[in-house]
N, C-alpha and C. Protein backbone atom coordinates (compact mmCIF):
# COMPACT_ATOMS: atom_id res chain seq x y z
N MET A 1 69.60 -2.65 24.21
CA MET A 1 70.90 -1.53 23.97
C MET A 1 70.37 -0.48 25.12
N HIS A 2 70.99 0.21 25.62
CA HIS A 2 70.73 0.91 26.80
C HIS A 2 71.89 2.24 26.20
N SER A 3 71.25 3.91 26.45
CA SER A 3 71.71 4.90 26.07
C SER A 3 72.83 4.73 27.29
N VAL A 4 73.83 5.84 27.35
CA VAL A 4 75.33 6.30 28.13
C VAL A 4 74.87 7.54 28.79
N HIS A 5 74.82 8.03 29.80
CA HIS A 5 74.27 9.16 30.47
C HIS A 5 75.42 8.85 31.63
N PRO A 6 75.60 10.13 31.53
CA PRO A 6 77.15 10.39 32.61
C PRO A 6 76.28 10.36 34.04
N PRO A 7 76.93 9.29 34.90
CA PRO A 7 76.08 9.72 36.35
C PRO A 7 76.08 10.88 36.62
N ARG A 8 75.04 11.42 37.41
CA ARG A 8 74.79 12.71 38.34
C ARG A 8 75.95 12.94 39.14
N ALA A 9 76.82 12.09 39.85
CA ALA A 9 77.74 12.45 40.46
C ALA A 9 79.01 13.17 39.63
N ALA A 10 78.77 12.33 38.33
CA ALA A 10 80.09 12.92 37.74
C ALA A 10 79.74 14.20 36.66
N ARG A 11 78.45 14.49 36.92
CA ARG A 11 78.22 15.97 36.12
C ARG A 11 78.61 17.18 36.57
N PRO A 12 79.01 17.32 38.02
CA PRO A 12 79.86 18.47 38.45
C PRO A 12 80.88 18.70 37.56
N LEU A 13 81.86 17.75 37.76
CA LEU A 13 83.11 17.92 36.55
C LEU A 13 83.08 18.36 35.12
N TRP A 14 82.30 17.69 34.61
CA TRP A 14 82.14 18.09 32.69
C TRP A 14 81.52 19.48 33.10
N LEU A 15 80.75 20.12 34.08
CA LEU A 15 79.99 21.22 34.34
C LEU A 15 80.96 22.31 34.68
N LEU A 16 81.78 22.23 35.21
CA LEU A 16 83.42 23.26 35.75
C LEU A 16 83.78 23.48 34.02
N ALA A 17 84.03 22.32 33.65
CA ALA A 17 84.85 22.64 32.35
C ALA A 17 83.72 22.91 31.26
N LEU A 18 82.61 23.22 31.10
CA LEU A 18 81.69 23.68 30.23
C LEU A 18 81.66 25.36 30.71
N ALA A 19 81.64 25.55 32.12
CA ALA A 19 81.39 26.81 32.86
C ALA A 19 83.13 27.98 32.27
N ALA A 20 83.82 26.76 32.14
CA ALA A 20 85.25 27.76 31.79
C ALA A 20 85.61 28.33 30.17
N ALA A 21 84.55 27.33 29.56
CA ALA A 21 84.34 27.77 27.89
C ALA A 21 82.99 29.24 28.20
N VAL A 22 83.62 29.92 27.88
CA VAL A 22 82.74 31.45 28.30
C VAL A 22 82.58 31.41 26.98
N LEU A 23 81.16 31.95 26.63
CA LEU A 23 80.54 32.54 25.41
C LEU A 23 80.45 33.86 25.24
N SER A 24 80.69 34.51 24.54
CA SER A 24 80.50 35.76 23.94
C SER A 24 79.11 35.96 22.94
N VAL A 25 78.15 36.47 23.25
CA VAL A 25 76.89 36.76 22.47
C VAL A 25 76.21 37.52 22.68
N LEU A 26 76.24 38.53 21.95
CA LEU A 26 75.35 40.05 21.92
C LEU A 26 74.71 40.52 20.72
N ILE A 27 74.07 40.93 20.65
CA ILE A 27 73.80 42.09 19.54
C ILE A 27 72.69 42.95 20.20
N GLU A 28 72.84 44.78 19.47
CA GLU A 28 72.44 45.15 19.42
C GLU A 28 71.26 45.72 18.88
N GLY A 29 70.20 46.07 19.66
CA GLY A 29 68.88 46.67 18.70
C GLY A 29 68.24 47.31 19.53
N CYS A 30 67.20 48.60 18.96
CA CYS A 30 66.53 49.44 19.86
C CYS A 30 66.86 49.77 20.97
N GLY A 31 68.28 50.42 20.89
CA GLY A 31 68.93 50.99 22.15
C GLY A 31 69.34 50.35 22.95
N GLN A 32 69.28 48.95 23.06
CA GLN A 32 69.11 48.05 24.08
C GLN A 32 70.10 46.77 23.79
N THR A 33 71.37 46.29 24.74
CA THR A 33 72.13 45.49 24.31
C THR A 33 71.48 43.88 24.75
N VAL A 34 70.94 42.77 23.69
CA VAL A 34 70.68 41.68 24.01
C VAL A 34 71.36 40.87 23.88
N VAL A 35 71.35 39.65 24.12
CA VAL A 35 71.31 38.76 24.08
C VAL A 35 71.09 37.71 22.98
N ASP A 36 72.05 37.39 21.76
CA ASP A 36 71.55 37.30 20.50
C ASP A 36 71.22 35.38 20.89
N PRO A 37 69.85 35.40 21.20
CA PRO A 37 69.14 33.46 21.41
C PRO A 37 70.02 32.46 20.08
N GLU A 38 69.94 32.91 18.89
CA GLU A 38 70.51 31.99 17.98
C GLU A 38 71.91 31.41 17.96
N LYS A 39 72.62 32.35 18.34
CA LYS A 39 74.30 32.48 18.14
C LYS A 39 74.08 30.73 19.41
N LEU A 40 73.76 31.74 21.05
CA LEU A 40 73.60 31.57 21.98
C LEU A 40 73.05 29.63 22.10
N GLU A 41 71.98 29.23 21.51
CA GLU A 41 71.34 28.29 21.59
C GLU A 41 72.45 27.42 20.54
N ASP A 42 73.04 28.27 19.49
CA ASP A 42 73.79 27.19 18.97
C ASP A 42 75.10 26.59 19.57
N THR A 43 75.90 27.65 20.40
CA THR A 43 76.89 27.53 21.43
C THR A 43 76.48 26.42 22.23
N VAL A 44 75.70 26.65 23.08
CA VAL A 44 75.13 25.89 23.71
C VAL A 44 74.90 24.14 23.66
N GLN A 45 74.54 24.13 22.60
CA GLN A 45 74.33 22.64 22.12
C GLN A 45 75.57 22.30 21.69
N ALA A 46 76.13 23.01 21.17
CA ALA A 46 77.46 22.55 20.50
C ALA A 46 78.73 21.95 22.04
N SER A 47 78.73 23.17 22.58
CA SER A 47 79.37 22.57 24.24
C SER A 47 79.03 21.63 25.14
N LEU A 48 77.77 21.50 25.19
CA LEU A 48 77.54 20.20 25.71
C LEU A 48 77.48 19.24 24.90
N GLU A 49 77.19 18.97 23.57
CA GLU A 49 77.71 17.57 22.98
C GLU A 49 78.91 17.33 23.26
N LYS A 50 79.83 18.53 23.14
CA LYS A 50 81.39 17.84 23.46
C LYS A 50 81.80 17.40 24.47
N SER A 51 81.05 18.10 25.63
CA SER A 51 81.50 17.93 27.00
C SER A 51 80.56 16.64 27.64
N ILE A 52 79.64 16.26 27.06
CA ILE A 52 79.08 15.18 27.67
C ILE A 52 78.36 13.85 26.28
N HIS A 53 79.26 14.18 25.60
CA HIS A 53 79.49 13.28 24.55
C HIS A 53 77.63 12.60 24.03
N GLU A 54 77.03 13.47 24.29
CA GLU A 54 75.27 13.16 23.98
C GLU A 54 74.78 14.16 22.80
N LYS A 55 73.93 13.20 21.88
CA LYS A 55 73.30 13.86 20.54
C LYS A 55 72.24 14.76 21.38
N ILE A 56 72.21 16.21 21.35
CA ILE A 56 71.07 17.13 21.82
C ILE A 56 70.42 17.26 20.50
N GLN A 57 68.79 17.59 20.44
CA GLN A 57 68.19 18.09 19.31
C GLN A 57 68.05 19.45 19.47
N GLY A 58 67.58 19.74 20.06
CA GLY A 58 67.95 21.57 19.92
C GLY A 58 67.86 21.96 21.65
N VAL A 59 68.24 23.29 21.18
CA VAL A 59 67.90 24.35 22.69
C VAL A 59 67.33 25.69 22.70
N ASP A 60 66.44 25.76 23.66
CA ASP A 60 65.74 27.17 23.44
C ASP A 60 65.66 28.36 24.37
N CYS A 61 66.46 29.24 23.75
CA CYS A 61 66.62 30.27 25.08
C CYS A 61 65.63 31.45 24.85
N PRO A 62 65.48 32.59 25.44
CA PRO A 62 64.52 33.61 25.25
C PRO A 62 65.10 34.58 24.31
N SER A 63 64.25 34.91 23.70
CA SER A 63 64.71 36.18 23.13
C SER A 63 64.89 37.50 24.00
N ASP A 64 65.45 38.36 23.13
CA ASP A 64 65.43 40.00 23.72
C ASP A 64 65.64 39.61 25.53
N GLU A 65 66.89 38.81 26.01
CA GLU A 65 67.04 38.85 27.21
C GLU A 65 68.32 40.13 27.60
N PRO A 66 68.04 41.21 28.11
CA PRO A 66 69.06 42.18 28.26
C PRO A 66 70.26 41.79 29.10
N VAL A 67 71.66 42.29 28.54
CA VAL A 67 72.69 41.78 28.76
C VAL A 67 72.96 42.83 30.34
N GLU A 68 72.82 42.09 31.40
CA GLU A 68 73.21 42.49 32.49
C GLU A 68 73.79 41.68 33.23
N PRO A 69 75.08 42.33 33.37
CA PRO A 69 76.10 41.55 34.54
C PRO A 69 75.82 41.23 35.58
N GLY A 70 75.67 39.83 35.67
CA GLY A 70 75.49 38.88 36.87
C GLY A 70 73.97 38.38 37.11
N ALA A 71 73.24 38.83 35.99
CA ALA A 71 71.77 38.24 35.60
C ALA A 71 71.94 36.46 34.73
N THR A 72 71.04 35.89 35.78
CA THR A 72 71.23 34.75 35.34
C THR A 72 69.63 34.47 34.31
N PHE A 73 69.98 33.58 33.76
CA PHE A 73 68.34 32.78 33.04
C PHE A 73 68.46 31.79 32.39
N THR A 74 67.20 30.87 31.93
CA THR A 74 67.79 29.67 31.69
C THR A 74 67.11 29.76 30.33
N CYS A 75 67.94 28.32 29.55
CA CYS A 75 67.80 28.03 28.07
C CYS A 75 66.95 26.18 28.38
N GLU A 76 65.99 25.67 27.91
CA GLU A 76 65.80 24.18 27.72
C GLU A 76 66.55 23.61 27.08
N VAL A 77 67.07 22.78 27.03
CA VAL A 77 67.87 21.84 26.54
C VAL A 77 66.83 20.51 26.22
N ILE A 78 66.98 20.18 24.91
CA ILE A 78 66.06 19.21 24.31
C ILE A 78 66.94 17.86 23.85
N PHE A 79 67.15 16.94 24.72
CA PHE A 79 67.84 15.74 24.34
C PHE A 79 67.03 14.79 23.22
N SER A 80 67.82 13.98 22.84
CA SER A 80 67.09 12.46 22.23
C SER A 80 65.86 12.13 22.75
N GLY A 81 65.21 10.95 22.38
CA GLY A 81 64.19 10.99 23.25
C GLY A 81 63.11 11.53 23.65
N ASP A 82 62.98 13.12 23.99
CA ASP A 82 62.54 14.24 24.09
C ASP A 82 62.92 14.34 25.39
N ARG A 83 63.95 14.25 25.92
CA ARG A 83 64.11 14.11 27.46
C ARG A 83 64.67 15.89 27.59
N ARG A 84 63.87 16.75 28.36
CA ARG A 84 64.14 17.81 28.57
C ARG A 84 65.21 18.31 30.17
N GLU A 85 65.75 19.27 29.74
CA GLU A 85 66.55 19.68 30.45
C GLU A 85 66.22 21.34 31.06
N VAL A 86 66.91 21.81 31.82
CA VAL A 86 66.93 23.57 31.51
C VAL A 86 68.62 23.50 31.98
N ALA A 87 68.88 24.33 31.23
CA ALA A 87 70.78 25.15 31.19
C ALA A 87 70.49 26.40 32.13
N THR A 88 70.96 26.46 33.36
CA THR A 88 71.19 27.79 33.76
C THR A 88 72.56 28.67 33.42
N LEU A 89 72.09 30.16 32.64
CA LEU A 89 73.33 30.52 32.31
C LEU A 89 73.53 31.94 32.99
N LYS A 90 74.59 32.27 32.83
CA LYS A 90 75.08 33.67 34.21
C LYS A 90 75.88 34.60 33.32
N ILE A 91 75.52 35.81 33.03
CA ILE A 91 75.97 36.76 32.17
C ILE A 91 77.06 37.48 33.05
N ARG A 92 78.24 37.50 32.43
CA ARG A 92 79.26 37.76 33.17
C ARG A 92 79.81 39.17 33.06
N ASP A 93 79.60 39.84 31.99
CA ASP A 93 80.09 41.02 31.65
C ASP A 93 79.40 41.69 30.83
N LYS A 94 79.99 43.13 30.82
CA LYS A 94 79.00 44.03 29.57
C LYS A 94 78.79 43.65 28.04
N ASP A 95 80.15 42.63 27.89
CA ASP A 95 80.20 42.00 26.71
C ASP A 95 79.18 41.10 26.39
N ALA A 96 78.77 40.68 27.31
CA ALA A 96 77.54 39.38 26.97
C ALA A 96 78.42 38.05 27.11
N ASP A 97 79.61 38.06 27.88
CA ASP A 97 80.52 36.89 27.74
C ASP A 97 78.93 36.21 28.94
N ILE A 98 79.32 34.79 28.13
CA ILE A 98 78.18 34.04 29.39
C ILE A 98 78.62 32.98 29.81
N SER A 99 78.06 31.90 30.76
CA SER A 99 79.36 31.04 31.28
C SER A 99 77.39 30.08 31.57
N MET A 100 77.59 28.51 31.66
CA MET A 100 76.70 27.77 32.07
C MET A 100 77.21 27.55 33.64
N ILE A 101 76.20 27.80 34.36
CA ILE A 101 76.63 27.68 35.60
C ILE A 101 75.40 26.21 36.50
N GLY A 102 74.72 25.27 35.48
CA GLY A 102 74.13 24.60 35.92
C GLY A 102 73.10 23.69 34.79
N LEU A 103 72.96 22.56 34.69
CA LEU A 103 71.81 21.88 34.02
C LEU A 103 71.18 20.60 35.00
N LYS A 104 70.13 20.69 35.00
CA LYS A 104 68.92 20.18 35.56
C LYS A 104 67.56 19.41 34.93
N PRO A 105 67.19 18.31 35.21
CA PRO A 105 66.11 17.82 34.66
C PRO A 105 65.13 18.89 34.68
N GLU A 106 64.02 18.84 34.01
CA GLU A 106 63.10 19.96 33.75
C GLU A 106 61.88 19.14 35.12
N LYS A 107 61.22 20.23 35.82
CA LYS A 107 60.44 19.14 36.82
C LYS A 107 58.85 19.37 36.18
């Protein structure tokens, strides 16, 4: 039995659909607005599982990521079988609306 993964060529289509789903994840602390990593990790995991129909064991995003519109950062996505990929996310605005702009295998 082999697992079903979307072909690499098909990924841009689901990635566009995922990018359209904007995430708003922010918290305020110490006078600085930062991305809420726990909320972001849960949202990325749920969005990816729905988009690619594959179980994800977890997502690991940096803590204390400042909300700077236009900035990008990465989160590690851990699939079943310990396969790991890197999700690139972009902060769209000061409200911490975030879009996924890429997902690729870890090097």
